[in-house]
Protein backbone atom coordinates (compact mmCIF):
# COMPACT_ATOMS: atom_id res chain seq x y z
CA MET A 1 -5.83 -74.79 -47.29
CA GLU A 2 -7.22 -77.74 -49.24
CA GLY A 3 -10.59 -78.47 -50.79
CA ILE A 4 -12.27 -81.40 -52.52
CA ILE A 5 -13.79 -81.16 -56.00
CA ILE A 6 -17.43 -82.27 -55.75
CA ASN A 7 -18.68 -81.99 -59.34
CA TYR A 8 -18.90 -79.84 -62.42
CA ARG A 9 -21.19 -76.82 -62.34
CA ARG A 10 -24.17 -78.14 -64.25
CA GLY A 11 -27.78 -77.77 -65.12
CA ARG A 12 -30.34 -80.37 -66.00
CA LYS A 13 -29.07 -80.90 -69.54
CA THR A 14 -25.80 -78.97 -69.62
CA GLN A 15 -22.44 -79.17 -67.93
CA THR A 16 -19.80 -76.45 -67.75
CA THR A 17 -16.44 -78.21 -67.89
CA ASN A 18 -14.28 -75.28 -66.79
CA GLN A 19 -16.33 -74.56 -63.65
CA MET A 20 -16.27 -76.89 -60.64
CA ILE A 21 -17.94 -77.00 -57.24
CA VAL A 22 -15.37 -77.29 -54.44
CA GLN A 23 -16.07 -78.11 -50.78
CA VAL A 24 -13.57 -76.85 -48.19
CA PRO A 25 -13.72 -78.91 -44.94
CA GLU A 26 -13.17 -75.92 -42.60
CA VAL A 27 -15.94 -73.86 -44.26
CA ASP A 28 -19.52 -74.76 -43.35
CA THR A 29 -21.57 -71.58 -43.89
CA LYS A 30 -22.27 -69.28 -46.83
CA GLU A 31 -20.69 -66.31 -45.03
CA LYS A 32 -17.37 -68.15 -44.60
CA ALA A 33 -17.50 -69.27 -48.23
CA GLU A 34 -17.94 -65.68 -49.43
CA GLU A 35 -14.64 -64.78 -47.70
CA LEU A 36 -12.82 -67.18 -50.08
CA VAL A 37 -13.94 -65.31 -53.22
CA GLY A 38 -10.91 -64.18 -55.22
CA LYS A 39 -8.51 -66.85 -53.93
CA THR A 40 -6.42 -68.87 -56.36
CA VAL A 41 -7.04 -72.60 -56.73
CA VAL A 42 -4.48 -75.07 -58.12
CA TYR A 43 -5.24 -78.61 -59.32
CA GLU A 44 -2.26 -80.91 -59.95
CA CYS A 45 -2.94 -83.41 -62.73
CA VAL A 46 -1.83 -86.98 -62.10
CA GLY A 47 0.47 -88.55 -64.66
CA LYS A 48 3.97 -88.14 -66.03
CA ASP A 49 3.77 -84.45 -66.89
CA LYS A 50 2.53 -83.14 -63.49
CA LYS A 51 0.62 -80.26 -65.05
CA GLU A 52 -1.13 -77.66 -62.94
CA ILE A 53 -4.49 -76.18 -63.84
CA LYS A 54 -5.14 -72.86 -62.11
CA GLY A 55 -8.46 -71.31 -61.28
CA LYS A 56 -10.15 -68.65 -59.19
CA VAL A 57 -12.99 -68.78 -56.65
CA THR A 58 -15.87 -66.76 -58.09
CA PHE A 59 -18.98 -67.31 -55.92
CA ALA A 60 -20.34 -69.18 -52.92
CA HIS A 61 -22.48 -72.14 -54.00
CA GLY A 62 -25.43 -73.02 -51.78
CA GLY A 63 -25.71 -72.51 -48.05
CA LYS A 64 -23.31 -75.16 -46.73
CA GLY A 65 -19.99 -73.59 -47.63
CA ALA A 66 -19.25 -74.88 -51.13
CA VAL A 67 -17.66 -72.50 -53.63
CA ARG A 68 -17.72 -72.17 -57.41
CA VAL A 69 -14.29 -72.19 -59.09
CA LEU A 70 -13.63 -70.96 -62.64
CA PHE A 71 -10.63 -72.78 -64.12
CA GLU A 72 -8.58 -71.56 -67.09
CA LYS A 73 -9.50 -74.56 -69.25
CA GLY A 74 -11.73 -77.62 -69.12
CA MET A 75 -11.19 -80.03 -66.27
CA PRO A 76 -10.88 -83.80 -66.74
CA GLY A 77 -13.51 -86.09 -65.26
CA GLN A 78 -10.83 -87.78 -63.13
CA ALA A 79 -10.60 -84.55 -61.11
CA ILE A 80 -13.92 -85.23 -59.35
CA GLY A 81 -13.16 -86.35 -55.80
CA GLN A 82 -9.55 -85.11 -55.91
CA THR A 83 -8.01 -82.41 -53.74
CA VAL A 84 -7.07 -78.87 -54.76
CA ARG A 85 -4.94 -76.21 -53.05
CA LEU A 86 -6.37 -72.79 -52.18
CA ASN A 87 -3.89 -69.92 -51.85
């Protein structure tokens, strides 16, 4: 299953760089999003090294099926709009 990174989790004046909001195309309700909690998420960095940054779905975000993902370290800004794998 694949998802798209929408943005960082943020407030009005703060931004949490290791938490991202991810939208999964097949998921469109909060109830379906809550079923994804606990799944592993993998982001493959572009470049020579082909690093993988792993994370975990922690909560549903909003009512339209987005989820909050906690990654192991800060995510680059180039990740916004890119795809991630959910296992």
